Amino acid sequence: MGEIVLYGKGKGRGKDKDDPSLRIPRRTIDYGSDVVRWLQECLVPRTSAQYLQCHYGSTRELMPPFATPQGPYDSICPRFVHSSANKTRAPVNVVHWFPHGRRLLSGTQTGEMTIWNGMQFHFENILQAHNASIRAMQWTPEEHILVSGDQLGIIKFWDQYIYNFQTFQAHKESICDISIAPTGLKFVSCADDSHAKVWDLRTGEEERAFTGHGWDVKCCDWHPTKGLVATGSKDSQIKLWDPRASEAITTIYCHNNTVTKVNWSPNGQFLASGSKDQLIMLMDVRTMGVRKVFKGHTKDVTALCWHPESEAVLASGGHEATINFWDTFGASTPFESVRGAHEGPIWSLSWHPLGHLLVSGSNDYSVRFWSRARPGDTNFGDLLPRKVALGANEAPITIPDDMHVGTIFQSGIFADPPLPPLPPEARAAATEAARKEADSIYEMAGSTYEPMLGLSVGEGVNKKDVFDTSDFDAEEGLARPALAPSAADAPAPA
C-alpha cells in the first residue's frame, strides 16, 4: 500500500504533515517485487516446485506473467483495483498504455486526453486533444509517436511528451480504428466510408485505399510481423489485404452481423474477431479458416485484447458490461467472467505491457483497473464498487394499492396478459345489471334516462352515427337511399 500525506494550508495552519490521522492509504500495484523475485529465482533456482498457499501472505511469492507462459490462469486480471473518472463526465472511447507502462492514456467523447498514473491510478494531466470524440489511438513500435483519430476524420501525430506536431484530414467520416505497421513507417486507418487507407507515417500522405467492402469499415489491424492487414466491416465480412496492392487477398465469411473488432495475436498466428452476433471467432492464418468459436456474451462484442505475453489468453468486453477471459487452447466458454464490470457498455480494453494489469474504458464515464488474483481471493464480485446510479442499490418498490399489484415490474406495461373475454351469456347479464343500477340511480334522482351522445344516436330507422352525412347530402340536393333497419334494431314481436 502506498501513502499520500496531506499538508496544511500555510504556516501554522492545519496539523503536522507527519500526523498519522492525515495519512490516506491508496491502492498501489507495483510490479517491481515480482520482477525481483523472478531475478532471484533465476540466480538461485529452487530444487523443488513452489506452491502458493491460499492466503494473502503468499502474494510476495507471485511471479510476473512472462515467467509463467504455460499458465494462462496466472495471467488473467479479474480483480477490481480502482476506478478513475474525469471531472468532466464523458464516455471513455479508448484506453492505451504508454510504452514504458508507467502511465495510461484515455480518450473521451468530448475530445479530451487524460493521463493516469499506472501504479497508484490517480490523475496526472489532461488536455483538449481533439475538437470531437476521440475514436482511436496507438503508439509506434519505436515508442516515439502517438497517432490518434477523431469523429471528424482528423488524424493527429503526437510526440512522446504529448505535443502535437502534425494534423491532417484523413477521412470524410468518423474514424473507427488505427493500426501501425511493425516497421513504424506506415499505418492503416478505417472509417465509416466503406474503405480503409494506408498512410506514410513520415509524410502523412495517403499511399492507397482498400476498396472492397460493401459497407462501413469498423475495424482494422496490421499483422505484428508481416505485411498483412485485416479489416472488418458492417457487411459482416473480414478481408485480408496486401499493403502493396489494393485488392483483397481473401475474404472470410464467418459472422452474421457487423464485425466490430479484429485483433492479431502477439506472434501473428491467430486472428480474433468480435461481432454484433455476440460471437468471437478465432481464425488460423495458416488455414484461413475458423479454428474455434467462443460463446459467452449476451450482447454485442465491443472490445478485444490479447495478452501481451501469452497467446493462450484473450480478453473481451461486451455491450452488457461484462469482461470475459478466454483460453484459446481450451474450451469455447470463458474460464473467468466479471459480470457488471461497468455500469455501461465497455468500449475499450488494454493490457499493461508486462501483462499484470488490465484497463477498461466504458460508457459510464470511468476508467477501471483490474489486477491478477491474489492468493486467498474467493469471490471477485465482492470487490466490485457499488453502483452509483439512482436506485441501483435499493430493493424493488412495492405500491400497496388496487392499481399496482406487487412490484413495479408486475404492473403497467410489465403486467401479465389480460384475462380472456367473458362468454355472451355472462356479458349480457353484466350489461343488464349495469342498466338496472343506472335506472335505480335515475329514479333516486327524480330524472329520466336519456341516451348520451357518442358514436351513435337514435334508434331504428332514425339511428345515425358520426359518419352519417345524409343531412349534408339533403342540403346539397343529393339523393341518398334510406338505411334498412338492422336485426338488432328491429322491434320485438308482440
Protein backbone atom coordinates (compact mmCIF):
# COMPACT_ATOMS: atom_id res chain seq x y z
CA MET A 1 0.00 0.00 0.00
CA GLY A 2 1.22 3.46 -0.82
CA GLU A 3 0.68 6.56 1.27
CA ILE A 4 -0.29 10.11 0.41
CA VAL A 5 0.31 12.81 3.01
CA LEU A 6 -1.98 15.84 3.06
CA TYR A 7 -0.28 19.09 4.02
CA GLY A 8 -1.72 22.05 5.98
CA LYS A 9 -2.76 25.33 4.39
CA GLY A 10 0.15 27.64 5.11
CA LYS A 11 2.38 28.15 8.10
CA GLY A 12 0.75 27.48 11.43
CA ARG A 13 -2.45 26.10 9.89
CA GLY A 14 -3.66 22.56 9.99
CA LYS A 15 -1.98 19.62 11.57
CA ASP A 16 1.56 18.43 11.22
CA LYS A 17 2.27 16.61 7.96
CA ASP A 18 3.53 13.59 9.94
CA ASP A 19 0.27 13.24 11.82
CA PRO A 20 -0.99 9.64 11.27
CA SER A 21 -4.59 10.86 11.02
CA LEU A 22 -3.72 12.66 7.77
CA ARG A 23 -2.26 9.61 6.02
CA ILE A 24 -4.66 8.30 3.42
CA PRO A 25 -3.90 4.79 2.12
CA ARG A 26 -4.05 4.38 -1.63
CA ARG A 27 -4.06 1.14 -3.55
CA THR A 28 -0.80 0.55 -5.39
CA ILE A 29 0.14 -2.18 -7.86
CA ASP A 30 3.92 -2.30 -8.20
CA TYR A 31 5.46 -4.95 -10.43
CA GLY A 32 8.96 -4.38 -9.01
CA SER A 33 8.69 -7.01 -6.28
CA ASP A 34 7.51 -9.65 -8.77
CA VAL A 35 10.39 -8.95 -11.12
CA VAL A 36 12.92 -9.01 -8.26
CA ARG A 37 11.52 -12.35 -7.11
CA TRP A 38 11.90 -13.70 -10.64
CA LEU A 39 15.53 -12.50 -10.82
CA GLN A 40 16.27 -14.23 -7.53
CA GLU A 41 14.79 -17.45 -8.85
CA CYS A 42 16.94 -17.17 -11.97
CA LEU A 43 20.14 -16.67 -9.94
CA VAL A 44 19.39 -19.27 -7.26
CA PRO A 45 16.93 -21.80 -8.70
CA ARG A 46 14.98 -23.93 -6.27
CA THR A 47 15.36 -27.68 -6.24
CA SER A 48 11.63 -28.35 -5.71
CA ALA A 49 8.48 -26.80 -7.10
CA GLN A 50 6.98 -23.90 -5.19
CA TYR A 51 3.25 -23.98 -4.47
CA LEU A 52 1.35 -20.91 -3.30
CA GLN A 53 -0.79 -21.18 -0.18
CA CYS A 54 -4.37 -19.88 -0.18
CA HIS A 55 -3.50 -16.87 1.94
CA TYR A 56 -2.69 -13.21 1.26
CA GLY A 57 0.74 -13.76 2.81
CA SER A 58 1.76 -15.70 -0.31
CA THR A 59 1.29 -12.65 -2.53
CA ARG A 60 5.01 -11.90 -2.37
CA GLU A 61 5.70 -15.28 -3.99
CA LEU A 62 3.86 -14.34 -7.19
CA MET A 63 5.86 -14.33 -10.42
CA PRO A 64 5.37 -11.87 -13.30
CA PRO A 65 3.22 -13.16 -16.19
CA PHE A 66 6.16 -13.57 -18.56
CA ALA A 67 7.75 -16.03 -16.09
CA THR A 68 4.82 -18.47 -16.37
CA PRO A 69 3.94 -18.62 -20.10
CA GLN A 70 2.42 -22.08 -19.72
CA GLY A 71 -0.05 -20.97 -17.06
CA PRO A 72 -2.79 -18.84 -18.65
CA TYR A 73 -4.80 -18.87 -15.41
CA ASP A 74 -1.98 -16.93 -13.73
CA SER A 75 -2.20 -14.12 -16.31
CA ILE A 76 -5.87 -13.10 -16.26
CA CYS A 77 -6.89 -9.93 -14.41
CA PRO A 78 -10.40 -10.26 -12.91
CA ARG A 79 -9.69 -8.49 -9.60
CA PHE A 80 -11.02 -4.94 -9.34
CA VAL A 81 -8.44 -2.41 -8.14
CA HIS A 82 -9.53 1.16 -8.84
CA SER A 83 -12.00 3.29 -10.78
CA SER A 84 -10.93 6.68 -12.17
CA ALA A 85 -13.09 9.39 -13.73
CA ASN A 86 -12.64 12.93 -15.01
CA LYS A 87 -14.37 15.94 -13.54
CA THR A 88 -15.94 16.42 -16.97
CA ARG A 89 -18.19 13.39 -17.25
CA ALA A 90 -17.95 11.85 -20.72
CA PRO A 91 -17.89 8.29 -22.11
CA VAL A 92 -14.40 6.80 -22.46
CA ASN A 93 -13.98 5.51 -26.03
CA VAL A 94 -10.37 4.32 -25.97
CA VAL A 95 -7.65 3.49 -23.41
CA HIS A 96 -3.99 2.88 -24.23
CA TRP A 97 -0.85 2.38 -22.14
CA PHE A 98 2.33 4.33 -22.59
CA PRO A 99 5.08 2.02 -23.92
CA HIS A 100 7.02 2.17 -20.64
CA GLY A 101 3.90 1.16 -18.69
CA ARG A 102 4.13 3.90 -16.05
CA ARG A 103 1.16 5.90 -17.36
CA LEU A 104 -2.12 5.38 -19.16
CA LEU A 105 -3.87 7.46 -21.81
CA SER A 106 -7.65 7.66 -22.16
CA GLY A 107 -9.67 9.39 -24.87
CA THR A 108 -13.21 10.60 -24.21
CA GLN A 109 -16.30 11.61 -26.13
CA THR A 110 -15.51 15.30 -25.61
CA GLY A 111 -12.07 15.05 -27.27
CA GLU A 112 -10.06 15.16 -24.03
CA MET A 113 -6.93 13.11 -23.49
CA THR A 114 -6.28 12.20 -19.85
CA ILE A 115 -3.06 10.81 -18.37
CA TRP A 116 -3.39 8.47 -15.37
CA ASN A 117 -0.67 7.09 -13.12
CA GLY A 118 -0.05 3.40 -13.81
CA MET A 119 0.80 2.38 -10.24
CA GLN A 120 -1.45 4.45 -7.96
CA PHE A 121 -4.07 5.22 -10.67
CA HIS A 122 -4.51 8.88 -9.81
CA PHE A 123 -4.97 11.75 -12.25
CA GLU A 124 -1.80 13.37 -13.66
CA ASN A 125 -2.70 15.59 -16.59
CA ILE A 126 -5.41 16.41 -19.12
CA LEU A 127 -5.53 18.26 -22.44
CA GLN A 128 -8.10 19.08 -25.11
CA ALA A 129 -6.54 16.97 -27.84
CA HIS A 130 -9.36 16.97 -30.43
CA ASN A 131 -12.43 19.05 -31.21
CA ALA A 132 -14.57 15.92 -31.47
CA SER A 133 -14.82 12.48 -29.93
CA ILE A 134 -11.52 10.53 -29.86
CA ARG A 135 -12.10 7.16 -31.51
CA ALA A 136 -8.65 5.52 -31.79
CA MET A 137 -5.02 5.91 -30.73
CA GLN A 138 -1.85 3.82 -30.95
CA TRP A 139 1.89 4.17 -30.36
CA THR A 140 4.53 3.35 -32.95
CA PRO A 141 6.89 0.39 -32.23
CA GLU A 142 9.75 2.84 -31.62
CA GLU A 143 7.58 4.42 -28.91
CA HIS A 144 8.22 7.95 -30.16
CA ILE A 145 4.97 8.87 -31.96
CA LEU A 146 1.34 8.54 -30.94
CA VAL A 147 -1.30 8.50 -33.70
CA SER A 148 -4.88 9.46 -32.81
CA GLY A 149 -8.10 9.89 -34.79
CA ASP A 150 -11.43 11.55 -34.03
CA GLN A 151 -15.04 11.60 -35.12
CA LEU A 152 -14.46 14.34 -37.72
CA GLY A 153 -12.00 12.15 -39.66
CA ILE A 154 -8.93 14.10 -38.47
CA ILE A 155 -5.67 12.32 -37.57
CA LYS A 156 -3.04 13.90 -35.31
CA PHE A 157 0.58 12.97 -34.56
CA TRP A 158 1.96 13.44 -31.03
CA ASP A 159 5.48 13.04 -29.71
CA GLN A 160 6.45 11.22 -26.52
CA TYR A 161 5.73 14.37 -24.50
CA ILE A 162 2.16 14.56 -25.94
CA TYR A 163 2.98 17.55 -28.12
CA ASN A 164 1.03 17.73 -31.38
CA PHE A 165 3.28 18.31 -34.39
CA GLN A 166 1.08 17.31 -37.35
CA THR A 167 -2.65 17.35 -38.17
CA PHE A 168 -4.45 16.42 -41.39
CA GLN A 169 -7.89 15.42 -42.70
CA ALA A 170 -7.73 11.66 -43.35
CA HIS A 171 -11.39 10.70 -43.88
CA LYS A 172 -14.66 12.45 -44.54
CA GLU A 173 -16.48 10.32 -41.97
CA SER A 174 -15.77 9.30 -38.39
CA ILE A 175 -12.58 7.29 -37.88
CA CYS A 176 -13.18 3.87 -36.36
CA ASP A 177 -9.71 2.33 -35.91
CA ILE A 178 -5.99 2.89 -36.45
CA SER A 179 -3.17 0.32 -36.65
CA ILE A 180 0.56 0.87 -37.23
CA ALA A 181 2.90 -1.38 -39.22
CA PRO A 182 5.64 -3.31 -37.35
CA THR A 183 8.29 -1.20 -39.12
CA GLY A 184 6.73 2.01 -37.80
CA LEU A 185 6.87 3.65 -41.25
CA LYS A 186 3.26 3.18 -42.31
CA PHE A 187 -0.15 2.86 -40.72
CA VAL A 188 -3.68 1.98 -41.78
CA SER A 189 -6.91 3.75 -40.79
CA CYS A 190 -10.56 2.94 -41.39
CA ALA A 191 -13.75 4.98 -41.14
CA ASP A 192 -17.47 4.92 -41.82
CA ASP A 193 -16.89 5.38 -45.56
CA SER A 194 -16.61 1.76 -46.82
CA HIS A 195 -12.83 1.73 -47.30
CA ALA A 196 -9.52 1.74 -45.40
CA LYS A 197 -6.42 3.77 -46.24
CA VAL A 198 -2.67 3.17 -45.94
CA TRP A 199 -0.60 6.22 -44.95
CA ASP A 200 3.08 7.12 -44.87
CA LEU A 201 3.86 7.99 -41.25
CA ARG A 202 6.80 10.24 -42.17
CA THR A 203 4.98 12.47 -44.67
CA GLY A 204 1.33 11.95 -43.70
CA GLU A 205 0.37 11.23 -47.32
CA GLU A 206 -2.06 8.59 -48.50
CA GLU A 207 -0.49 5.68 -50.38
CA ARG A 208 -3.51 3.56 -51.33
CA ALA A 209 -7.06 2.72 -50.38
CA PHE A 210 -8.63 -0.68 -49.76
CA THR A 211 -11.95 -0.50 -51.62
CA GLY A 212 -13.61 -3.89 -51.38
CA HIS A 213 -16.15 -3.73 -48.58
CA GLY A 214 -19.76 -3.01 -49.33
CA TRP A 215 -20.40 -1.01 -46.16
CA ASP A 216 -18.65 0.92 -43.38
CA VAL A 217 -15.28 -0.49 -42.27
CA LYS A 218 -15.45 -0.71 -38.46
CA CYS A 219 -12.03 -2.12 -37.52
CA CYS A 220 -8.55 -2.85 -38.85
CA ASP A 221 -5.33 -4.41 -37.56
CA TRP A 222 -1.84 -4.76 -39.06
CA HIS A 223 -0.06 -8.10 -38.65
CA PRO A 224 2.69 -7.86 -35.97
CA THR A 225 5.44 -9.30 -38.20
CA LYS A 226 4.20 -9.43 -41.83
CA GLY A 227 2.79 -7.12 -44.46
CA LEU A 228 -0.80 -8.22 -43.89
CA VAL A 229 -3.80 -6.11 -42.89
CA ALA A 230 -7.12 -7.43 -41.60
CA THR A 231 -10.31 -5.36 -41.79
CA GLY A 232 -13.84 -5.99 -40.53
CA SER A 233 -16.92 -4.29 -41.88
CA LYS A 234 -20.61 -3.69 -41.37
CA ASP A 235 -21.24 -6.09 -44.26
CA SER A 236 -20.27 -9.00 -41.90
CA GLN A 237 -17.08 -9.74 -43.85
CA ILE A 238 -13.43 -9.94 -42.81
CA LYS A 239 -10.88 -9.22 -45.53
CA LEU A 240 -7.12 -9.71 -45.56
CA TRP A 241 -5.10 -7.24 -47.65
CA ASP A 242 -1.60 -6.89 -49.02
CA PRO A 243 -0.48 -3.31 -48.20
CA ARG A 244 1.33 -3.14 -51.55
CA ALA A 245 -1.87 -3.81 -53.54
CA SER A 246 -5.41 -2.52 -53.48
CA GLU A 247 -7.19 -5.85 -53.81
CA ALA A 248 -8.07 -8.26 -51.03
CA ILE A 249 -6.12 -11.50 -50.69
CA THR A 250 -9.06 -13.38 -49.26
CA THR A 251 -12.46 -12.82 -47.70
CA ILE A 252 -13.64 -14.70 -44.61
CA TYR A 253 -17.38 -15.21 -44.11
CA CYS A 254 -17.85 -16.25 -40.50
CA HIS A 255 -20.19 -13.67 -38.90
CA ASN A 256 -23.85 -12.89 -39.36
CA ASN A 257 -23.70 -9.25 -38.30
CA THR A 258 -21.39 -6.25 -38.13
CA VAL A 259 -17.75 -7.11 -37.34
CA THR A 260 -16.80 -4.73 -34.53
CA LYS A 261 -13.22 -5.81 -33.73
CA VAL A 262 -10.33 -7.71 -35.32
CA ASN A 263 -7.08 -8.39 -33.46
CA TRP A 264 -3.95 -10.36 -34.34
CA SER A 265 -2.30 -12.47 -31.65
CA PRO A 266 1.16 -11.37 -30.40
CA ASN A 267 3.07 -13.69 -32.76
CA GLY A 268 0.55 -13.34 -35.59
CA GLN A 269 -0.59 -16.94 -35.81
CA PHE A 270 -4.24 -16.30 -34.87
CA LEU A 271 -6.78 -13.62 -35.73
CA ALA A 272 -9.62 -12.96 -33.28
CA SER A 273 -12.78 -11.15 -34.36
CA GLY A 274 -15.83 -9.94 -32.45
CA SER A 275 -19.21 -9.10 -33.86
CA LYS A 276 -22.71 -7.90 -33.07
CA ASP A 277 -23.86 -11.51 -33.38
CA GLN A 278 -22.41 -12.00 -29.84
CA LEU A 279 -19.72 -14.43 -31.09
CA ILE A 280 -15.91 -14.33 -31.07
CA MET A 281 -14.18 -16.19 -33.89
CA LEU A 282 -10.61 -17.47 -33.65
CA MET A 283 -9.04 -17.96 -37.09
CA ASP A 284 -5.76 -19.63 -38.01
CA VAL A 285 -3.85 -17.62 -40.61
CA ARG A 286 -2.23 -20.81 -41.95
CA THR A 287 -5.56 -22.33 -42.98
CA MET A 288 -7.56 -19.12 -43.43
CA GLY A 289 -10.39 -20.81 -41.58
CA VAL A 290 -12.19 -20.63 -38.25
CA ARG A 291 -10.41 -22.63 -35.57
CA LYS A 292 -12.77 -22.02 -32.65
CA VAL A 293 -16.00 -20.19 -31.83
CA PHE A 294 -16.30 -18.54 -28.40
CA LYS A 295 -19.79 -18.09 -26.95
CA GLY A 296 -20.36 -16.20 -23.73
CA HIS A 297 -21.61 -12.68 -24.42
CA THR A 298 -25.31 -11.87 -24.37
CA LYS A 299 -24.96 -8.65 -26.40
CA ASP A 300 -22.57 -7.11 -28.93
CA VAL A 301 -18.84 -7.78 -28.57
CA THR A 302 -17.36 -4.28 -28.36
CA ALA A 303 -13.72 -4.80 -27.28
CA LEU A 304 -10.95 -7.40 -27.80
CA CYS A 305 -7.41 -7.54 -26.45
CA TRP A 306 -4.73 -10.26 -26.48
CA HIS A 307 -2.45 -10.79 -23.51
CA PRO A 308 1.00 -9.34 -24.41
CA GLU A 309 2.93 -12.35 -23.06
CA SER A 310 0.69 -15.30 -23.90
CA GLU A 311 -1.33 -16.37 -26.92
CA ALA A 312 -3.46 -18.54 -24.67
CA VAL A 313 -5.28 -15.60 -23.05
CA LEU A 314 -7.78 -13.35 -24.79
CA ALA A 315 -9.91 -10.71 -23.05
CA SER A 316 -13.18 -9.39 -24.43
CA GLY A 317 -15.70 -6.74 -23.39
CA GLY A 318 -19.36 -6.62 -24.27
CA HIS A 319 -22.23 -4.20 -24.55
CA GLU A 320 -23.75 -5.87 -21.46
CA ALA A 321 -20.79 -4.56 -19.33
CA THR A 322 -19.15 -7.98 -18.94
CA ILE A 323 -15.44 -8.81 -19.24
CA ASN A 324 -14.71 -12.40 -20.33
CA PHE A 325 -11.36 -14.19 -20.33
CA TRP A 326 -10.86 -16.98 -22.86
CA ASP A 327 -8.39 -19.84 -23.12
CA THR A 328 -7.64 -20.05 -26.83
CA PHE A 329 -6.34 -23.62 -26.44
CA GLY A 330 -9.17 -24.72 -24.16
CA ALA A 331 -12.94 -24.73 -24.07
CA SER A 332 -15.24 -22.47 -26.11
CA THR A 333 -16.69 -20.92 -22.94
CA PRO A 334 -14.92 -18.28 -20.80
CA PHE A 335 -12.85 -19.67 -17.95
CA GLU A 336 -13.47 -16.47 -15.99
CA SER A 337 -16.11 -13.74 -16.28
CA VAL A 338 -16.57 -10.42 -14.49
CA ARG A 339 -20.25 -9.56 -14.77
CA GLY A 340 -21.22 -5.99 -14.05
CA ALA A 341 -17.64 -4.81 -14.53
CA HIS A 342 -19.06 -1.42 -15.56
CA GLU A 343 -22.41 0.29 -15.48
CA GLY A 344 -22.49 0.67 -19.27
CA PRO A 345 -21.05 -0.80 -22.48
CA ILE A 346 -17.29 -1.45 -22.48
CA TRP A 347 -15.71 0.31 -25.44
CA SER A 348 -12.00 -0.45 -24.99
CA LEU A 349 -9.59 -2.86 -23.25
CA SER A 350 -5.81 -2.57 -22.90
CA TRP A 351 -3.25 -4.80 -21.18
CA HIS A 352 -0.22 -3.40 -19.39
CA PRO A 353 3.00 -4.15 -21.37
CA LEU A 354 4.01 -6.64 -18.65
CA GLY A 355 0.55 -8.23 -18.55
CA HIS A 356 -0.16 -7.86 -14.82
CA LEU A 357 -2.84 -5.15 -15.24
CA LEU A 358 -5.88 -4.74 -17.48
CA VAL A 359 -7.63 -1.42 -18.10
CA SER A 360 -11.16 -0.94 -19.40
CA GLY A 361 -12.93 2.18 -20.67
CA SER A 362 -16.70 2.38 -20.67
CA ASN A 363 -19.74 4.43 -21.47
CA ASP A 364 -20.25 5.02 -17.71
CA TYR A 365 -17.53 7.77 -17.82
CA SER A 366 -14.96 5.71 -15.88
CA VAL A 367 -11.62 4.00 -16.44
CA ARG A 368 -11.24 0.89 -14.32
CA PHE A 369 -8.07 -1.02 -13.44
CA TRP A 370 -8.03 -4.81 -12.95
CA SER A 371 -5.19 -6.90 -11.50
CA ARG A 372 -4.35 -10.55 -11.16
CA ALA A 373 -5.95 -12.53 -8.35
CA ARG A 374 -4.06 -12.73 -5.08
CA PRO A 375 -3.71 -15.97 -3.12
CA GLY A 376 -6.70 -16.03 -0.79
CA ASP A 377 -9.28 -14.41 -3.09
CA THR A 378 -12.53 -16.35 -3.25
CA ASN A 379 -15.03 -14.06 -4.97
CA PHE A 380 -14.23 -11.21 -7.36
CA GLY A 381 -17.77 -9.87 -7.33
CA ASP A 382 -17.46 -8.73 -3.71
CA LEU A 383 -14.63 -6.38 -4.70
CA LEU A 384 -16.66 -4.51 -7.33
CA PRO A 385 -17.73 -0.97 -6.39
CA ARG A 386 -21.36 -0.31 -5.54
CA LYS A 387 -23.38 1.08 -8.39
CA VAL A 388 -23.85 4.82 -8.12
CA ALA A 389 -26.88 5.09 -10.42
CA LEU A 390 -30.11 6.32 -8.83
CA GLY A 391 -31.96 3.40 -7.29
CA ALA A 392 -29.29 0.87 -8.25
CA ASN A 393 -28.82 -0.44 -4.71
CA GLU A 394 -32.42 -0.23 -3.48
CA ALA A 395 -34.93 -3.07 -3.41
CA PRO A 396 -37.87 -3.02 -5.85
CA ILE A 397 -40.60 -0.58 -4.82
CA THR A 398 -43.88 -2.11 -3.62
CA ILE A 399 -47.01 0.03 -4.05
CA PRO A 400 -49.94 -1.29 -1.96
CA ASP A 401 -53.00 -0.17 -3.91
CA ASP A 402 -55.58 -1.66 -6.25
CA MET A 403 -53.93 -0.49 -9.49
CA HIS A 404 -50.41 -1.76 -8.67
CA VAL A 405 -50.13 -5.34 -7.55
CA GLY A 406 -46.78 -6.48 -6.17
CA THR A 407 -43.71 -4.66 -7.50
CA ILE A 408 -43.48 -2.14 -10.32
CA PHE A 409 -42.39 -4.98 -12.60
CA GLN A 410 -45.77 -6.70 -12.14
CA SER A 411 -47.97 -3.79 -13.17
CA GLY A 412 -48.43 -1.42 -16.09
CA ILE A 413 -46.57 -2.48 -19.20
CA PHE A 414 -44.86 -5.25 -17.21
CA ALA A 415 -48.15 -6.81 -16.06
CA ASP A 416 -49.40 -10.23 -17.11
CA PRO A 417 -51.65 -10.57 -20.19
CA PRO A 418 -55.38 -9.72 -19.61
CA LEU A 419 -57.91 -12.42 -18.85
CA PRO A 420 -59.92 -13.98 -21.74
CA PRO A 421 -63.24 -12.23 -22.66
CA LEU A 422 -66.49 -13.27 -20.99
CA PRO A 423 -68.93 -15.56 -22.86
CA PRO A 424 -72.02 -13.87 -24.46
CA GLU A 425 -74.39 -15.01 -21.69
CA ALA A 426 -72.24 -13.59 -18.91
CA ARG A 427 -71.67 -10.38 -20.87
CA ALA A 428 -75.44 -9.89 -21.39
CA ALA A 429 -76.11 -10.49 -17.69
CA ALA A 430 -73.42 -7.93 -16.71
CA THR A 431 -74.89 -5.38 -19.15
CA GLU A 432 -78.43 -5.89 -17.79
CA ALA A 433 -77.19 -5.49 -14.19
CA ALA A 434 -75.39 -2.26 -15.09
CA ARG A 435 -78.55 -0.90 -16.77
CA LYS A 436 -80.70 -1.72 -13.76
CA GLU A 437 -78.20 0.04 -11.50
CA ALA A 438 -78.30 3.12 -13.75
CA ASP A 439 -82.12 3.12 -13.75
CA SER A 440 -82.18 2.97 -9.96
CA ILE A 441 -79.80 5.92 -9.76
CA TYR A 442 -82.03 7.99 -12.09
CA GLU A 443 -85.14 7.05 -10.07
CA MET A 444 -83.48 8.21 -6.85
CA ALA A 445 -82.51 11.47 -8.53
CA GLY A 446 -86.06 12.03 -9.87
CA SER A 447 -84.99 12.33 -13.50
CA THR A 448 -85.49 10.28 -16.63
CA TYR A 449 -82.87 8.37 -18.54
CA GLU A 450 -81.64 9.99 -21.72
CA PRO A 451 -79.15 8.44 -24.11
CA MET A 452 -75.74 10.08 -24.19
CA LEU A 453 -74.39 11.48 -27.39
CA GLY A 454 -71.49 9.45 -28.62
CA LEU A 455 -70.66 7.49 -31.73
CA SER A 456 -74.39 6.97 -32.50
CA VAL A 457 -77.75 8.49 -31.60
CA GLY A 458 -81.33 7.43 -32.23
CA GLU A 459 -82.95 4.05 -32.72
CA GLY A 460 -84.35 2.04 -35.63
CA VAL A 461 -84.58 3.86 -38.97
CA ASN A 462 -83.70 7.16 -37.25
CA LYS A 463 -80.37 5.85 -35.94
CA LYS A 464 -77.39 7.90 -37.07
CA ASP A 465 -73.68 7.66 -36.36
CA VAL A 466 -70.85 10.14 -36.68
CA PHE A 467 -70.11 9.01 -40.21
CA ASP A 468 -73.70 9.56 -41.45
CA THR A 469 -73.75 12.50 -43.92
CA SER A 470 -77.39 12.24 -45.07
CA ASP A 471 -78.25 15.66 -43.62
CA PHE A 472 -75.47 17.33 -45.57
CA ASP A 473 -76.41 15.44 -48.73
CA ALA A 474 -80.02 16.62 -48.40
CA GLU A 475 -78.88 20.23 -48.16
CA GLU A 476 -76.80 19.81 -51.31
CA GLY A 477 -79.72 18.17 -53.17
CA LEU A 478 -78.18 14.70 -53.34
CA ALA A 479 -80.48 11.68 -53.08
CA ARG A 480 -79.38 9.08 -50.58
CA PRO A 481 -81.24 5.78 -50.05
CA ALA A 482 -82.51 5.18 -46.54
CA LEU A 483 -80.66 2.59 -44.50
CA ALA A 484 -82.58 -0.60 -43.78
CA PRO A 485 -83.03 -1.32 -40.11
CA SER A 486 -80.70 -3.95 -38.76
CA ALA A 487 -81.85 -7.07 -36.97
CA ALA A 488 -80.67 -5.63 -33.65
CA ASP A 489 -82.81 -2.52 -34.12
CA ALA A 490 -85.98 -4.32 -35.30
CA PRO A 491 -88.92 -4.14 -32.88
CA ALA A 492 -89.53 -7.20 -30.80
CA PRO A 493 -92.56 -9.38 -31.81
CA ALA A 494 -95.72 -8.89 -29.81
